[in-house]
Amino acid sequence: MLEKSEVTESLPPSALEVLSVLRREGPLTPKDLFEKTDLAPRTVRYALKVLLEYKLVKKIPNLQDLRQNFYVVLE
């Protein structure tokens, strides 16, 4: 099993940026992340996929709009 520092070292730069914004801002939707990071939507989706695979973030349904999800850091 990888240590937390080893995991973050192996993350792509886009995933590190998304993780940093989520830590600072709290739960956000992918659209919020596009706007706050100036990354392309496809890049943000990939970063979230990687962060979910490493179990660094969790997806939470938006109960006011079930078409969207919030992402929150697990720590």
C-alpha atoms as a PDB file:
ATOM      1  CA  MET A   1       0.000   0.000   0.000  1.00  0.00           C
ATOM      2  CA  LEU A   2       1.320   3.426  -0.921  1.00  0.00           C
ATOM      3  CA  GLU A   3       1.869   6.095   1.717  1.00  0.00           C
ATOM      4  CA  LYS A   4      -0.101   9.327   1.328  1.00  0.00           C
ATOM      5  CA  SER A   5       3.028  11.280   0.307  1.00  0.00           C
ATOM      6  CA  GLU A   6       3.867   8.665  -2.341  1.00  0.00           C
ATOM      7  CA  VAL A   7       0.346   8.893  -3.732  1.00  0.00           C
ATOM      8  CA  THR A   8       0.424  12.677  -4.031  1.00  0.00           C
ATOM      9  CA  GLU A   9       3.864  12.528  -5.686  1.00  0.00           C
ATOM     10  CA  SER A  10       2.485  10.164  -8.333  1.00  0.00           C
ATOM     11  CA  LEU A  11      -0.533  12.362  -9.158  1.00  0.00           C
ATOM     12  CA  PRO A  12      -0.596  14.410 -12.364  1.00  0.00           C
ATOM     13  CA  PRO A  13      -0.281  18.199 -11.913  1.00  0.00           C
ATOM     14  CA  SER A  14      -3.948  18.729 -12.796  1.00  0.00           C
ATOM     15  CA  ALA A  15      -5.066  16.346 -10.031  1.00  0.00           C
ATOM     16  CA  LEU A  16      -2.824  18.136  -7.532  1.00  0.00           C
ATOM     17  CA  GLU A  17      -4.339  21.480  -8.509  1.00  0.00           C
ATOM     18  CA  VAL A  18      -7.914  20.163  -8.213  1.00  0.00           C
ATOM     19  CA  LEU A  19      -7.089  18.577  -4.845  1.00  0.00           C
ATOM     20  CA  SER A  20      -5.602  21.855  -3.613  1.00  0.00           C
ATOM     21  CA  VAL A  21      -8.701  23.832  -4.637  1.00  0.00           C
ATOM     22  CA  LEU A  22     -11.022  21.293  -2.997  1.00  0.00           C
ATOM     23  CA  ARG A  23      -9.008  21.472   0.236  1.00  0.00           C
ATOM     24  CA  ARG A  24      -9.161  25.260   0.223  1.00  0.00           C
ATOM     25  CA  GLU A  25     -12.751  25.787  -0.988  1.00  0.00           C
ATOM     26  CA  GLY A  26     -14.632  22.736   0.295  1.00  0.00           C
ATOM     27  CA  PRO A  27     -17.211  20.740  -1.700  1.00  0.00           C
ATOM     28  CA  LEU A  28     -17.438  21.858  -5.345  1.00  0.00           C
ATOM     29  CA  THR A  29     -19.056  20.698  -8.566  1.00  0.00           C
ATOM     30  CA  PRO A  30     -16.944  19.993 -11.658  1.00  0.00           C
ATOM     31  CA  LYS A  31     -18.250  23.243 -13.166  1.00  0.00           C
ATOM     32  CA  ASP A  32     -17.039  25.167 -10.107  1.00  0.00           C
ATOM     33  CA  LEU A  33     -13.654  23.489 -10.492  1.00  0.00           C
ATOM     34  CA  PHE A  34     -13.403  24.456 -14.203  1.00  0.00           C
ATOM     35  CA  GLU A  35     -13.974  28.065 -13.232  1.00  0.00           C
ATOM     36  CA  LYS A  36     -11.643  28.157 -10.221  1.00  0.00           C
ATOM     37  CA  THR A  37      -8.726  26.306 -11.840  1.00  0.00           C
ATOM     38  CA  ASP A  38      -8.933  27.536 -15.457  1.00  0.00           C
ATOM     39  CA  LEU A  39      -8.368  23.918 -16.506  1.00  0.00           C
ATOM     40  CA  ALA A  40     -10.264  22.429 -19.435  1.00  0.00           C
ATOM     41  CA  PRO A  41     -13.426  20.511 -18.488  1.00  0.00           C
ATOM     42  CA  ARG A  42     -11.936  17.270 -19.804  1.00  0.00           C
ATOM     43  CA  THR A  43      -8.806  17.794 -17.685  1.00  0.00           C
ATOM     44  CA  VAL A  44     -10.881  18.402 -14.546  1.00  0.00           C
ATOM     45  CA  ARG A  45     -12.927  15.246 -15.208  1.00  0.00           C
ATOM     46  CA  TYR A  46      -9.720  13.222 -15.601  1.00  0.00           C
ATOM     47  CA  ALA A  47      -8.245  14.735 -12.423  1.00  0.00           C
ATOM     48  CA  LEU A  48     -11.404  13.856 -10.475  1.00  0.00           C
ATOM     49  CA  LYS A  49     -11.314  10.305 -11.866  1.00  0.00           C
ATOM     50  CA  VAL A  50      -7.724   9.880 -10.665  1.00  0.00           C
ATOM     51  CA  LEU A  51      -8.507  11.372  -7.244  1.00  0.00           C
ATOM     52  CA  LEU A  52     -11.508   9.037  -6.875  1.00  0.00           C
ATOM     53  CA  GLU A  53      -9.361   6.012  -7.806  1.00  0.00           C
ATOM     54  CA  TYR A  54      -6.828   6.916  -5.105  1.00  0.00           C
ATOM     55  CA  LYS A  55      -9.704   7.538  -2.672  1.00  0.00           C
ATOM     56  CA  LEU A  56      -8.564  11.112  -2.020  1.00  0.00           C
ATOM     57  CA  VAL A  57     -11.971  12.598  -2.827  1.00  0.00           C
ATOM     58  CA  LYS A  58     -15.554  11.453  -2.519  1.00  0.00           C
ATOM     59  CA  LYS A  59     -18.523  12.141  -4.789  1.00  0.00           C
ATOM     60  CA  ILE A  60     -21.642  13.462  -3.031  1.00  0.00           C
ATOM     61  CA  PRO A  61     -24.962  13.910  -4.871  1.00  0.00           C
ATOM     62  CA  ASN A  62     -26.331  17.439  -5.085  1.00  0.00           C
ATOM     63  CA  LEU A  63     -29.783  16.995  -3.556  1.00  0.00           C
ATOM     64  CA  GLN A  64     -31.062  20.200  -5.157  1.00  0.00           C
ATOM     65  CA  ASP A  65     -29.986  19.113  -8.655  1.00  0.00           C
ATOM     66  CA  LEU A  66     -29.423  15.367  -8.988  1.00  0.00           C
ATOM     67  CA  ARG A  67     -27.737  15.844 -12.366  1.00  0.00           C
ATOM     68  CA  GLN A  68     -24.706  17.239 -10.536  1.00  0.00           C
ATOM     69  CA  ASN A  69     -22.363  15.936  -7.882  1.00  0.00           C
ATOM     70  CA  PHE A  70     -20.175  17.658  -5.342  1.00  0.00           C
ATOM     71  CA  TYR A  71     -16.630  16.461  -4.750  1.00  0.00           C
ATOM     72  CA  VAL A  72     -15.081  16.668  -1.299  1.00  0.00           C
ATOM     73  CA  VAL A  73     -11.623  15.765   0.049  1.00  0.00           C
ATOM     74  CA  LEU A  74     -11.397  12.657   2.243  1.00  0.00           C
ATOM     75  CA  GLU A  75      -8.909  13.369   5.042  1.00  0.00           C
END
